[in-house]
Amino acid sequence: MKLNKQAKNQIIYFLLAVLWGCLIFYLSSQPDLKSGLPSAWDFILRKLAHLTVFAILAFLLAASFTKKSKPYLLFVILAAIMYAFTDELHQLSVPGRVGSIRDIFIDSFGVGLGIYFFERLHLFKIFRKR
């Protein structure tokens, strides 16, 4: 079976999303991710990291779907937020880590940003034929 360029791109983006999810899981498995910065700056950096990694996850997931209709966005949003929820549950079992409802909200905001940027970037050639 020969795949067209769009199908190949979708598979690549899906695999990148899976790998990105694995990276999130790996980072959540680390007992201590403190930056060494003063407490307030460390807190800000870690929350920005939450926002960023889930924005990237949502972007990659969205890019792995065809864009013929909008229902895929609901799936991407729900899947990414559910992953954020399970990520926080996972952190409850990691010594030195805690799960946080606040982090789920921050991750969810990141998901929204990822979708926003994906929708805006569809004008580039790589997304134009979706």
Protein backbone atom coordinates (compact mmCIF):
# COMPACT_ATOMS: atom_id res chain seq x y z
CA MET A 1 0.00 0.00 0.00
CA LYS A 2 1.47 3.31 -1.08
CA LEU A 3 0.75 6.33 1.11
CA ASN A 4 0.40 9.85 -0.22
CA LYS A 5 2.45 12.69 1.23
CA GLN A 6 -0.35 13.87 3.51
CA ALA A 7 -0.81 10.40 5.04
CA LYS A 8 2.95 10.09 5.59
CA ASN A 9 3.02 13.49 7.31
CA GLN A 10 0.11 12.48 9.54
CA ILE A 11 1.91 9.31 10.59
CA ILE A 12 5.09 11.26 11.32
CA TYR A 13 3.21 13.79 13.45
CA PHE A 14 1.41 11.02 15.30
CA LEU A 15 4.71 9.25 16.04
CA LEU A 16 6.19 12.56 17.20
CA ALA A 17 3.18 13.04 19.50
CA VAL A 18 3.70 9.57 20.96
CA LEU A 19 7.40 10.25 21.49
CA TRP A 20 6.56 13.61 23.07
CA GLY A 21 4.10 11.86 25.39
CA CYS A 22 6.89 9.44 26.35
CA LEU A 23 9.15 12.40 27.14
CA ILE A 24 6.44 13.89 29.37
CA PHE A 25 6.10 10.53 31.14
CA TYR A 26 9.87 10.28 31.59
CA LEU A 27 10.11 13.79 33.02
CA SER A 28 7.20 13.07 35.36
CA SER A 29 9.06 10.00 36.60
CA GLN A 30 11.97 12.09 37.86
CA PRO A 31 11.88 12.62 41.64
CA ASP A 32 13.22 16.17 41.47
CA LEU A 33 13.19 18.59 38.58
CA LYS A 34 14.14 21.73 40.48
CA SER A 35 16.18 24.18 38.44
CA GLY A 36 18.36 25.50 41.24
CA LEU A 37 16.89 28.98 40.79
CA PRO A 38 15.33 30.83 43.72
CA SER A 39 12.00 29.34 44.77
CA ALA A 40 9.72 31.83 42.99
CA TRP A 41 11.66 31.62 39.71
CA ASP A 42 11.82 27.83 39.91
CA PHE A 43 8.03 27.73 40.35
CA ILE A 44 7.47 30.01 37.34
CA LEU A 45 9.88 27.99 35.19
CA ARG A 46 8.21 24.69 36.07
CA LYS A 47 4.72 26.05 35.33
CA LEU A 48 5.89 27.46 32.00
CA ALA A 49 7.34 24.02 31.24
CA HIS A 50 3.92 22.45 31.93
CA LEU A 51 2.29 24.95 29.59
CA THR A 52 4.87 24.44 26.86
CA VAL A 53 5.05 20.64 26.82
CA PHE A 54 1.27 20.31 26.58
CA ALA A 55 1.04 23.00 23.89
CA ILE A 56 3.54 20.99 21.84
CA LEU A 57 1.65 17.75 22.51
CA ALA A 58 -1.65 19.27 21.34
CA PHE A 59 0.02 20.79 18.27
CA LEU A 60 1.53 17.44 17.26
CA LEU A 61 -1.74 15.59 17.84
CA ALA A 62 -3.69 18.14 15.80
CA ALA A 63 -1.17 17.88 12.97
CA SER A 64 -1.71 14.12 12.85
CA PHE A 65 -5.35 14.51 11.72
CA THR A 66 -6.88 15.65 8.46
CA LYS A 67 -8.47 19.03 8.69
CA LYS A 68 -11.58 18.39 6.60
CA SER A 69 -13.87 18.98 9.56
CA LYS A 70 -13.55 20.40 13.05
CA PRO A 71 -14.55 17.38 15.21
CA TYR A 72 -10.92 16.29 15.37
CA LEU A 73 -10.22 19.33 17.56
CA LEU A 74 -12.53 18.05 20.27
CA PHE A 75 -10.74 14.70 20.23
CA VAL A 76 -7.31 16.36 20.41
CA ILE A 77 -8.38 18.61 23.28
CA LEU A 78 -9.93 15.76 25.26
CA ALA A 79 -7.04 13.37 24.61
CA ALA A 80 -4.40 15.92 25.65
CA ILE A 81 -6.29 16.97 28.78
CA MET A 82 -6.85 13.32 29.74
CA TYR A 83 -3.11 12.78 29.32
CA ALA A 84 -2.49 15.76 31.62
CA PHE A 85 -4.82 14.18 34.18
CA THR A 86 -3.10 10.79 33.98
CA ASP A 87 0.28 12.53 34.15
CA GLU A 88 -0.68 14.12 37.46
CA LEU A 89 -1.96 10.75 38.72
CA HIS A 90 1.35 9.21 37.71
CA GLN A 91 3.25 11.86 39.67
CA LEU A 92 1.39 10.80 42.83
CA SER A 93 3.34 7.52 42.70
CA VAL A 94 6.74 9.17 42.18
CA PRO A 95 8.70 9.89 45.38
CA GLY A 96 9.29 13.63 45.75
CA ARG A 97 6.51 14.54 43.30
CA VAL A 98 2.89 15.52 43.82
CA GLY A 99 -0.11 15.54 41.53
CA SER A 100 -1.87 18.88 41.26
CA ILE A 101 -5.26 19.99 39.96
CA ARG A 102 -3.65 23.38 39.30
CA ASP A 103 -1.15 21.72 36.97
CA ILE A 104 -3.99 20.08 35.04
CA PHE A 105 -5.47 23.54 34.46
CA ILE A 106 -2.08 24.90 33.39
CA ASP A 107 -1.62 21.92 31.06
CA SER A 108 -5.12 22.49 29.67
CA PHE A 109 -4.27 26.11 28.93
CA GLY A 110 -1.18 24.82 27.12
CA VAL A 111 -3.41 22.49 25.10
CA GLY A 112 -5.50 25.49 24.08
CA LEU A 113 -2.37 27.37 23.02
CA GLY A 114 -1.17 24.40 20.99
CA ILE A 115 -4.50 24.24 19.14
CA TYR A 116 -4.47 28.01 18.63
CA PHE A 117 -0.98 27.95 17.09
CA PHE A 118 -1.81 24.93 14.95
CA GLU A 119 -4.91 26.63 13.57
CA ARG A 120 -2.91 29.78 12.79
CA LEU A 121 -0.03 27.91 11.14
CA HIS A 122 -2.21 25.90 8.76
CA LEU A 123 -1.55 28.64 6.22
CA PHE A 124 2.01 27.38 5.82
CA LYS A 125 2.55 24.98 2.97
CA ILE A 126 3.03 21.95 5.21
CA PHE A 127 -0.54 22.33 6.55
CA ARG A 128 -2.22 23.89 3.50
CA LYS A 129 -3.61 20.66 1.99
CA ARG A 130 -5.39 19.49 5.16
